[in-house]
PDB file of all heavy atoms in Angstrom:
ATOM      1  N   ASP A   1       0.814  -1.210   0.000  1.00  0.00           N
ATOM      2  CA  ASP A   1       0.000   0.000   0.000  1.00  0.00           C
ATOM      3  C   ASP A   1       0.855   1.271   0.000  1.00  0.00           C
ATOM      4  O   ASP A   1       0.552   2.229  -0.707  1.00  0.00           O
ATOM      5  CB  ASP A   1      -0.935  -0.034   1.211  1.00  0.00           C
ATOM      6  CG  ASP A   1      -2.002   1.031   1.158  1.00  0.00           C
ATOM      7  OD1 ASP A   1      -2.437   1.357   0.038  1.00  0.00           O
ATOM      8  OD2 ASP A   1      -2.408   1.528   2.226  1.00  0.00           O
ATOM      9  N   GLU A   2       1.920   1.285   0.798  1.00  0.00           N
ATOM     10  CA  GLU A   2       2.744   2.494   0.938  1.00  0.00           C
ATOM     11  C   GLU A   2       3.334   2.946  -0.384  1.00  0.00           C
ATOM     12  O   GLU A   2       3.428   4.143  -0.650  1.00  0.00           O
ATOM     13  CB  GLU A   2       3.870   2.257   1.949  1.00  0.00           C
ATOM     14  CG  GLU A   2       3.385   2.082   3.365  1.00  0.00           C
ATOM     15  CD  GLU A   2       4.528   1.765   4.317  1.00  0.00           C
ATOM     16  OE1 GLU A   2       5.700   1.841   3.920  1.00  0.00           O
ATOM     17  OE2 GLU A   2       4.229   1.457   5.474  1.00  0.00           O
ATOM     18  N   SER A   3       3.754   2.001  -1.206  1.00  0.00           N
ATOM     19  CA  SER A   3       4.392   2.360  -2.480  1.00  0.00           C
ATOM     20  C   SER A   3       3.464   2.161  -3.678  1.00  0.00           C
ATOM     21  O   SER A   3       3.870   2.406  -4.819  1.00  0.00           O
ATOM     22  CB  SER A   3       5.657   1.531  -2.678  1.00  0.00           C
ATOM     23  OG  SER A   3       5.338   0.148  -2.681  1.00  0.00           O
ATOM     24  N   ASP A   4       2.224   1.707  -3.424  1.00  0.00           N
ATOM     25  CA  ASP A   4       1.257   1.417  -4.488  1.00  0.00           C
ATOM     26  C   ASP A   4       1.879   0.524  -5.564  1.00  0.00           C
ATOM     27  O   ASP A   4       1.838   0.822  -6.753  1.00  0.00           O
ATOM     28  CB  ASP A   4       0.716   2.711  -5.110  1.00  0.00           C
ATOM     29  CG  ASP A   4      -0.435   2.438  -6.076  1.00  0.00           C
ATOM     30  OD1 ASP A   4      -1.210   1.476  -5.847  1.00  0.00           O
ATOM     31  OD2 ASP A   4      -0.545   3.177  -7.090  1.00  0.00           O
ATOM     32  N   THR A   5       2.473  -0.572  -5.102  1.00  0.00           N
ATOM     33  CA  THR A   5       3.088  -1.525  -6.031  1.00  0.00           C
ATOM     34  C   THR A   5       2.659  -2.952  -5.691  1.00  0.00           C
ATOM     35  O   THR A   5       2.289  -3.251  -4.562  1.00  0.00           O
ATOM     36  CB  THR A   5       4.635  -1.469  -5.981  1.00  0.00           C
ATOM     37  OG1 THR A   5       5.066  -1.706  -4.645  1.00  0.00           O
ATOM     38  CG2 THR A   5       5.157  -0.127  -6.463  1.00  0.00           C
ATOM     39  N   CYS A   6       2.733  -3.780  -6.680  1.00  0.00           N
ATOM     40  CA  CYS A   6       2.464  -5.209  -6.521  1.00  0.00           C
ATOM     41  C   CYS A   6       3.789  -5.957  -6.684  1.00  0.00           C
ATOM     42  O   CYS A   6       4.468  -5.811  -7.702  1.00  0.00           O
ATOM     43  CB  CYS A   6       1.468  -5.689  -7.575  1.00  0.00           C
ATOM     44  SG  CYS A   6       1.159  -7.466  -7.511  1.00  0.00           S
ATOM     45  N   VAL A   7       4.142  -6.717  -5.669  1.00  0.00           N
ATOM     46  CA  VAL A   7       5.341  -7.557  -5.739  1.00  0.00           C
ATOM     47  C   VAL A   7       4.885  -8.952  -6.153  1.00  0.00           C
ATOM     48  O   VAL A   7       4.099  -9.590  -5.449  1.00  0.00           O
ATOM     49  CB  VAL A   7       6.077  -7.610  -4.380  1.00  0.00           C
ATOM     50  CG1 VAL A   7       7.293  -8.515  -4.476  1.00  0.00           C
ATOM     51  CG2 VAL A   7       6.465  -6.208  -3.933  1.00  0.00           C
ATOM     52  N   LEU A   8       5.356  -9.396  -7.305  1.00  0.00           N
ATOM     53  CA  LEU A   8       4.974 -10.697  -7.841  1.00  0.00           C
ATOM     54  C   LEU A   8       6.097 -11.706  -7.635  1.00  0.00           C
ATOM     55  O   LEU A   8       7.228 -11.477  -8.046  1.00  0.00           O
ATOM     56  CB  LEU A   8       4.686 -10.601  -9.341  1.00  0.00           C
ATOM     57  CG  LEU A   8       3.381  -9.949  -9.726  1.00  0.00           C
ATOM     58  CD1 LEU A   8       3.338  -9.724 -11.219  1.00  0.00           C
ATOM     59  CD2 LEU A   8       2.219 -10.815  -9.290  1.00  0.00           C
ATOM     60  N   GLY A   9       5.762 -12.787  -6.985  1.00  0.00           N
ATOM     61  CA  GLY A   9       6.732 -13.860  -6.767  1.00  0.00           C
ATOM     62  C   GLY A   9       6.296 -15.120  -7.491  1.00  0.00           C
ATOM     63  O   GLY A   9       5.107 -15.431  -7.573  1.00  0.00           O
ATOM     64  N   GLU A  10       7.253 -15.833  -8.030  1.00  0.00           N
ATOM     65  CA  GLU A  10       6.977 -17.064  -8.766  1.00  0.00           C
ATOM     66  C   GLU A  10       7.966 -18.128  -8.304  1.00  0.00           C
ATOM     67  O   GLU A  10       9.168 -17.869  -8.232  1.00  0.00           O
ATOM     68  CB  GLU A  10       7.138 -16.805 -10.261  1.00  0.00           C
ATOM     69  CG  GLU A  10       6.836 -17.981 -11.149  1.00  0.00           C
ATOM     70  CD  GLU A  10       6.984 -17.606 -12.628  1.00  0.00           C
ATOM     71  OE1 GLU A  10       7.639 -16.609 -12.957  1.00  0.00           O
ATOM     72  OE2 GLU A  10       6.442 -18.348 -13.442  1.00  0.00           O
ATOM     73  N   VAL A  11       7.460 -19.321  -7.980  1.00  0.00           N
ATOM     74  CA  VAL A  11       8.307 -20.397  -7.471  1.00  0.00           C
ATOM     75  C   VAL A  11       7.858 -21.723  -8.071  1.00  0.00           C
ATOM     76  O   VAL A  11       6.657 -21.999  -8.159  1.00  0.00           O
ATOM     77  CB  VAL A  11       8.233 -20.500  -5.922  1.00  0.00           C
ATOM     78  CG1 VAL A  11       9.015 -21.694  -5.414  1.00  0.00           C
ATOM     79  CG2 VAL A  11       8.718 -19.229  -5.277  1.00  0.00           C
ATOM     80  N   MET A  12       8.844 -22.536  -8.444  1.00  0.00           N
ATOM     81  CA  MET A  12       8.578 -23.920  -8.841  1.00  0.00           C
ATOM     82  C   MET A  12       9.718 -24.758  -8.287  1.00  0.00           C
ATOM     83  O   MET A  12      10.892 -24.478  -8.536  1.00  0.00           O
ATOM     84  CB  MET A  12       8.487 -24.065 -10.363  1.00  0.00           C
ATOM     85  CG  MET A  12       8.117 -25.462 -10.806  1.00  0.00           C
ATOM     86  SD  MET A  12       7.579 -25.570 -12.542  1.00  0.00           S
ATOM     87  CE  MET A  12       8.942 -24.840 -13.427  1.00  0.00           C
ATOM     88  N   ASN A  13       9.358 -25.754  -7.487  1.00  0.00           N
ATOM     89  CA  ASN A  13      10.343 -26.570  -6.791  1.00  0.00           C
ATOM     90  C   ASN A  13       9.906 -28.029  -6.899  1.00  0.00           C
ATOM     91  O   ASN A  13       8.765 -28.358  -6.567  1.00  0.00           O
ATOM     92  CB  ASN A  13      10.413 -26.128  -5.326  1.00  0.00           C
ATOM     93  CG  ASN A  13      11.537 -26.764  -4.578  1.00  0.00           C
ATOM     94  OD1 ASN A  13      12.376 -27.469  -5.141  1.00  0.00           O
ATOM     95  ND2 ASN A  13      11.574 -26.538  -3.282  1.00  0.00           N
ATOM     96  N   SER A  14      10.780 -28.896  -7.355  1.00  0.00           N
ATOM     97  CA  SER A  14      10.431 -30.299  -7.503  1.00  0.00           C
ATOM     98  C   SER A  14      11.658 -31.166  -7.245  1.00  0.00           C
ATOM     99  O   SER A  14      12.770 -30.798  -7.607  1.00  0.00           O
ATOM    100  CB  SER A  14       9.912 -30.559  -8.920  1.00  0.00           C
ATOM    101  OG  SER A  14       9.478 -31.892  -9.062  1.00  0.00           O
ATOM    102  N   SER A  15      11.435 -32.310  -6.616  1.00  0.00           N
ATOM    103  CA  SER A  15      12.532 -33.258  -6.418  1.00  0.00           C
ATOM    104  C   SER A  15      11.967 -34.667  -6.349  1.00  0.00           C
ATOM    105  O   SER A  15      10.812 -34.874  -5.985  1.00  0.00           O
ATOM    106  CB  SER A  15      13.321 -32.938  -5.148  1.00  0.00           C
ATOM    107  OG  SER A  15      12.501 -33.046  -4.016  1.00  0.00           O
ATOM    108  N   PHE A  16      12.793 -35.633  -6.729  1.00  0.00           N
ATOM    109  CA  PHE A  16      12.391 -37.034  -6.670  1.00  0.00           C
ATOM    110  C   PHE A  16      13.638 -37.907  -6.652  1.00  0.00           C
ATOM    111  O   PHE A  16      14.741 -37.453  -6.968  1.00  0.00           O
ATOM    112  CB  PHE A  16      11.478 -37.421  -7.843  1.00  0.00           C
ATOM    113  CG  PHE A  16      12.112 -37.307  -9.208  1.00  0.00           C
ATOM    114  CD1 PHE A  16      12.757 -38.397  -9.788  1.00  0.00           C
ATOM    115  CD2 PHE A  16      12.054 -36.120  -9.912  1.00  0.00           C
ATOM    116  CE1 PHE A  16      13.335 -38.297 -11.047  1.00  0.00           C
ATOM    117  CE2 PHE A  16      12.622 -36.013 -11.177  1.00  0.00           C
ATOM    118  CZ  PHE A  16      13.259 -37.109 -11.738  1.00  0.00           C
ATOM    119  N   THR A  17      13.448 -39.160  -6.248  1.00  0.00           N
ATOM    120  CA  THR A  17      14.537 -40.139  -6.217  1.00  0.00           C
ATOM    121  C   THR A  17      14.104 -41.375  -6.995  1.00  0.00           C
ATOM    122  O   THR A  17      12.983 -41.856  -6.836  1.00  0.00           O
ATOM    123  CB  THR A  17      14.892 -40.521  -4.769  1.00  0.00           C
ATOM    124  OG1 THR A  17      15.306 -39.337  -4.085  1.00  0.00           O
ATOM    125  CG2 THR A  17      16.021 -41.536  -4.730  1.00  0.00           C
ATOM    126  N   PHE A  18      14.995 -41.844  -7.827  1.00  0.00           N
ATOM    127  CA  PHE A  18      14.770 -43.037  -8.633  1.00  0.00           C
ATOM    128  C   PHE A  18      15.742 -44.119  -8.167  1.00  0.00           C
ATOM    129  O   PHE A  18      16.920 -43.842  -7.940  1.00  0.00           O
ATOM    130  CB  PHE A  18      15.011 -42.726 -10.113  1.00  0.00           C
ATOM    131  CG  PHE A  18      15.004 -43.933 -11.006  1.00  0.00           C
ATOM    132  CD1 PHE A  18      13.821 -44.528 -11.381  1.00  0.00           C
ATOM    133  CD2 PHE A  18      16.196 -44.468 -11.464  1.00  0.00           C
ATOM    134  CE1 PHE A  18      13.816 -45.646 -12.206  1.00  0.00           C
ATOM    135  CE2 PHE A  18      16.208 -45.582 -12.289  1.00  0.00           C
ATOM    136  CZ  PHE A  18      15.006 -46.173 -12.667  1.00  0.00           C
ATOM    137  N   THR A  19      15.252 -45.352  -8.009  1.00  0.00           N
ATOM    138  CA  THR A  19      16.121 -46.474  -7.644  1.00  0.00           C
ATOM    139  C   THR A  19      16.435 -47.275  -8.893  1.00  0.00           C
ATOM    140  O   THR A  19      15.540 -47.818  -9.539  1.00  0.00           O
ATOM    141  CB  THR A  19      15.447 -47.389  -6.604  1.00  0.00           C
ATOM    142  OG1 THR A  19      15.146 -46.617  -5.445  1.00  0.00           O
ATOM    143  CG2 THR A  19      16.359 -48.535  -6.220  1.00  0.00           C
ATOM    144  N   ASP A  20      17.719 -47.312  -9.224  1.00  0.00           N
ATOM    145  CA  ASP A  20      18.189 -48.099 -10.370  1.00  0.00           C
ATOM    146  C   ASP A  20      18.691 -49.431  -9.822  1.00  0.00           C
ATOM    147  O   ASP A  20      19.706 -49.493  -9.142  1.00  0.00           O
ATOM    148  CB  ASP A  20      19.307 -47.363 -11.089  1.00  0.00           C
ATOM    149  CG  ASP A  20      19.851 -48.135 -12.279  1.00  0.00           C
ATOM    150  OD1 ASP A  20      19.239 -49.154 -12.669  1.00  0.00           O
ATOM    151  OD2 ASP A  20      20.882 -47.709 -12.827  1.00  0.00           O
ATOM    152  N   SER A  21      17.973 -50.501 -10.108  1.00  0.00           N
ATOM    153  CA  SER A  21      18.325 -51.813  -9.556  1.00  0.00           C
ATOM    154  C   SER A  21      19.157 -52.663 -10.507  1.00  0.00           C
ATOM    155  O   SER A  21      19.331 -53.858 -10.289  1.00  0.00           O
ATOM    156  CB  SER A  21      17.047 -52.562  -9.160  1.00  0.00           C
ATOM    157  OG  SER A  21      16.182 -52.659 -10.270  1.00  0.00           O
ATOM    158  N   SER A  22      19.706 -52.038 -11.546  1.00  0.00           N
ATOM    159  CA  SER A  22      20.551 -52.767 -12.487  1.00  0.00           C
ATOM    160  C   SER A  22      21.747 -53.387 -11.758  1.00  0.00           C
ATOM    161  O   SER A  22      22.383 -52.747 -10.917  1.00  0.00           O
ATOM    162  CB  SER A  22      21.063 -51.821 -13.573  1.00  0.00           C
ATOM    163  OG  SER A  22      22.048 -52.467 -14.358  1.00  0.00           O
ATOM    164  N   THR A  23      22.051 -54.632 -12.083  1.00  0.00           N
ATOM    165  CA  THR A  23      23.186 -55.327 -11.453  1.00  0.00           C
ATOM    166  C   THR A  23      24.435 -55.286 -12.325  1.00  0.00           C
ATOM    167  O   THR A  23      25.459 -55.851 -11.958  1.00  0.00           O
ATOM    168  CB  THR A  23      22.823 -56.789 -11.154  1.00  0.00           C
ATOM    169  OG1 THR A  23      22.452 -57.426 -12.383  1.00  0.00           O
ATOM    170  CG2 THR A  23      21.686 -56.870 -10.147  1.00  0.00           C
ATOM    171  N   SER A  24      24.358 -54.600 -13.442  1.00  0.00           N
ATOM    172  CA  SER A  24      25.518 -54.484 -14.320  1.00  0.00           C
ATOM    173  C   SER A  24      26.648 -53.747 -13.602  1.00  0.00           C
ATOM    174  O   SER A  24      26.403 -52.813 -12.838  1.00  0.00           O
ATOM    175  CB  SER A  24      25.133 -53.705 -15.585  1.00  0.00           C
ATOM    176  OG  SER A  24      26.296 -53.407 -16.339  1.00  0.00           O
ATOM    177  N   SER A  25      27.872 -54.176 -13.840  1.00  0.00           N
ATOM    178  CA  SER A  25      29.019 -53.492 -13.239  1.00  0.00           C
ATOM    179  C   SER A  25      29.692 -52.544 -14.232  1.00  0.00           C
ATOM    180  O   SER A  25      30.757 -52.001 -13.953  1.00  0.00           O
ATOM    181  CB  SER A  25      30.024 -54.515 -12.706  1.00  0.00           C
ATOM    182  OG  SER A  25      30.476 -55.342 -13.764  1.00  0.00           O
ATOM    183  N   ALA A  26      29.054 -52.334 -15.388  1.00  0.00           N
ATOM    184  CA  ALA A  26      29.595 -51.398 -16.382  1.00  0.00           C
ATOM    185  C   ALA A  26      29.343 -49.954 -15.944  1.00  0.00           C
ATOM    186  O   ALA A  26      28.400 -49.674 -15.201  1.00  0.00           O
ATOM    187  CB  ALA A  26      28.924 -51.655 -17.734  1.00  0.00           C
ATOM    188  N   ASP A  27      30.203 -49.053 -16.379  1.00  0.00           N
ATOM    189  CA  ASP A  27      29.994 -47.628 -16.102  1.00  0.00           C
ATOM    190  C   ASP A  27      28.640 -47.195 -16.652  1.00  0.00           C
ATOM    191  O   ASP A  27      28.138 -47.747 -17.630  1.00  0.00           O
ATOM    192  CB  ASP A  27      31.082 -46.791 -16.760  1.00  0.00           C
ATOM    193  CG  ASP A  27      32.440 -46.963 -16.086  1.00  0.00           C
ATOM    194  OD1 ASP A  27      32.497 -47.610 -15.022  1.00  0.00           O
ATOM    195  OD2 ASP A  27      33.425 -46.442 -16.626  1.00  0.00           O
ATOM    196  N   PHE A  28      28.041 -46.188 -16.025  1.00  0.00           N
ATOM    197  CA  PHE A  28      26.748 -45.699 -16.478  1.00  0.00           C
ATOM    198  C   PHE A  28      26.710 -44.178 -16.418  1.00  0.00           C
ATOM    199  O   PHE A  28      27.555 -43.543 -15.779  1.00  0.00           O
ATOM    200  CB  PHE A  28      25.602 -46.308 -15.664  1.00  0.00           C
ATOM    201  CG  PHE A  28      25.620 -45.906 -14.210  1.00  0.00           C
ATOM    202  CD1 PHE A  28      24.878 -44.824 -13.775  1.00  0.00           C
ATOM    203  CD2 PHE A  28      26.381 -46.608 -13.287  1.00  0.00           C
ATOM    204  CE1 PHE A  28      24.904 -44.443 -12.446  1.00  0.00           C
ATOM    205  CE2 PHE A  28      26.411 -46.229 -11.952  1.00  0.00           C
ATOM    206  CZ  PHE A  28      25.666 -45.151 -11.530  1.00  0.00           C
ATOM    207  N   TYR A  29      25.716 -43.619 -17.069  1.00  0.00           N
ATOM    208  CA  TYR A  29      25.471 -42.184 -17.106  1.00  0.00           C
ATOM    209  C   TYR A  29      24.002 -41.943 -16.780  1.00  0.00           C
ATOM    210  O   TYR A  29      23.143 -42.751 -17.123  1.00  0.00           O
ATOM    211  CB  TYR A  29      25.713 -41.610 -18.506  1.00  0.00           C
ATOM    212  CG  TYR A  29      27.113 -41.731 -19.043  1.00  0.00           C
ATOM    213  CD1 TYR A  29      27.606 -42.956 -19.481  1.00  0.00           C
ATOM    214  CD2 TYR A  29      27.923 -40.613 -19.156  1.00  0.00           C
ATOM    215  CE1 TYR A  29      28.881 -43.061 -20.007  1.00  0.00           C
ATOM    216  CE2 TYR A  29      29.204 -40.708 -19.688  1.00  0.00           C
ATOM    217  CZ  TYR A  29      29.673 -41.938 -20.109  1.00  0.00           C
ATOM    218  OH  TYR A  29      30.934 -42.032 -20.639  1.00  0.00           O
ATOM    219  N   PHE A  30      23.726 -40.811 -16.160  1.00  0.00           N
ATOM    220  CA  PHE A  30      22.356 -40.344 -15.978  1.00  0.00           C
ATOM    221  C   PHE A  30      22.305 -38.876 -16.368  1.00  0.00           C
ATOM    222  O   PHE A  30      23.295 -38.147 -16.219  1.00  0.00           O
ATOM    223  CB  PHE A  30      21.890 -40.481 -14.522  1.00  0.00           C
ATOM    224  CG  PHE A  30      21.345 -41.832 -14.186  1.00  0.00           C
ATOM    225  CD1 PHE A  30      22.156 -42.793 -13.612  1.00  0.00           C
ATOM    226  CD2 PHE A  30      20.019 -42.147 -14.437  1.00  0.00           C
ATOM    227  CE1 PHE A  30      21.666 -44.053 -13.305  1.00  0.00           C
ATOM    228  CE2 PHE A  30      19.515 -43.393 -14.138  1.00  0.00           C
ATOM    229  CZ  PHE A  30      20.337 -44.351 -13.563  1.00  0.00           C
ATOM    230  N   ARG A  31      21.154 -38.471 -16.849  1.00  0.00           N
ATOM    231  CA  ARG A  31      20.944 -37.043 -17.091  1.00  0.00           C
ATOM    232  C   ARG A  31      19.504 -36.684 -16.765  1.00  0.00           C
ATOM    233  O   ARG A  31      18.590 -37.516 -16.885  1.00  0.00           O
ATOM    234  CB  ARG A  31      21.305 -36.643 -18.514  1.00  0.00           C
ATOM    235  CG  ARG A  31      20.368 -37.087 -19.587  1.00  0.00           C
ATOM    236  CD  ARG A  31      20.836 -36.612 -20.965  1.00  0.00           C
ATOM    237  NE  ARG A  31      19.939 -37.062 -22.020  1.00  0.00           N
ATOM    238  CZ  ARG A  31      20.173 -36.914 -23.300  1.00  0.00           C
ATOM    239  NH1 ARG A  31      21.287 -36.326 -23.691  1.00  0.00           N
ATOM    240  NH2 ARG A  31      19.306 -37.339 -24.186  1.00  0.00           N
ATOM    241  N   ALA A  32      19.324 -35.449 -16.332  1.00  0.00           N
ATOM    242  CA  ALA A  32      18.002 -34.887 -16.063  1.00  0.00           C
ATOM    243  C   ALA A  32      17.763 -33.810 -17.108  1.00  0.00           C
ATOM    244  O   ALA A  32      18.624 -32.958 -17.341  1.00  0.00           O
ATOM    245  CB  ALA A  32      17.935 -34.302 -14.662  1.00  0.00           C
ATOM    246  N   VAL A  33      16.594 -33.879 -17.740  1.00  0.00           N
ATOM    247  CA  VAL A  33      16.258 -32.953 -18.818  1.00  0.00           C
ATOM    248  C   VAL A  33      14.964 -32.221 -18.444  1.00  0.00           C
ATOM    249  O   VAL A  33      13.925 -32.854 -18.258  1.00  0.00           O
ATOM    250  CB  VAL A  33      16.056 -33.711 -20.149  1.00  0.00           C
ATOM    251  CG1 VAL A  33      15.683 -32.744 -21.264  1.00  0.00           C
ATOM    252  CG2 VAL A  33      17.307 -34.515 -20.511  1.00  0.00           C
TER     253      VAL A  33
END
């Protein structure tokens, strides 16, 4: 009210865990897109 302005905030927050049960002993890669 004092400054006659609107302060707009925007937030998006997400997290998760995936269990990879592969028994391979070869090197692996993961990526998040």
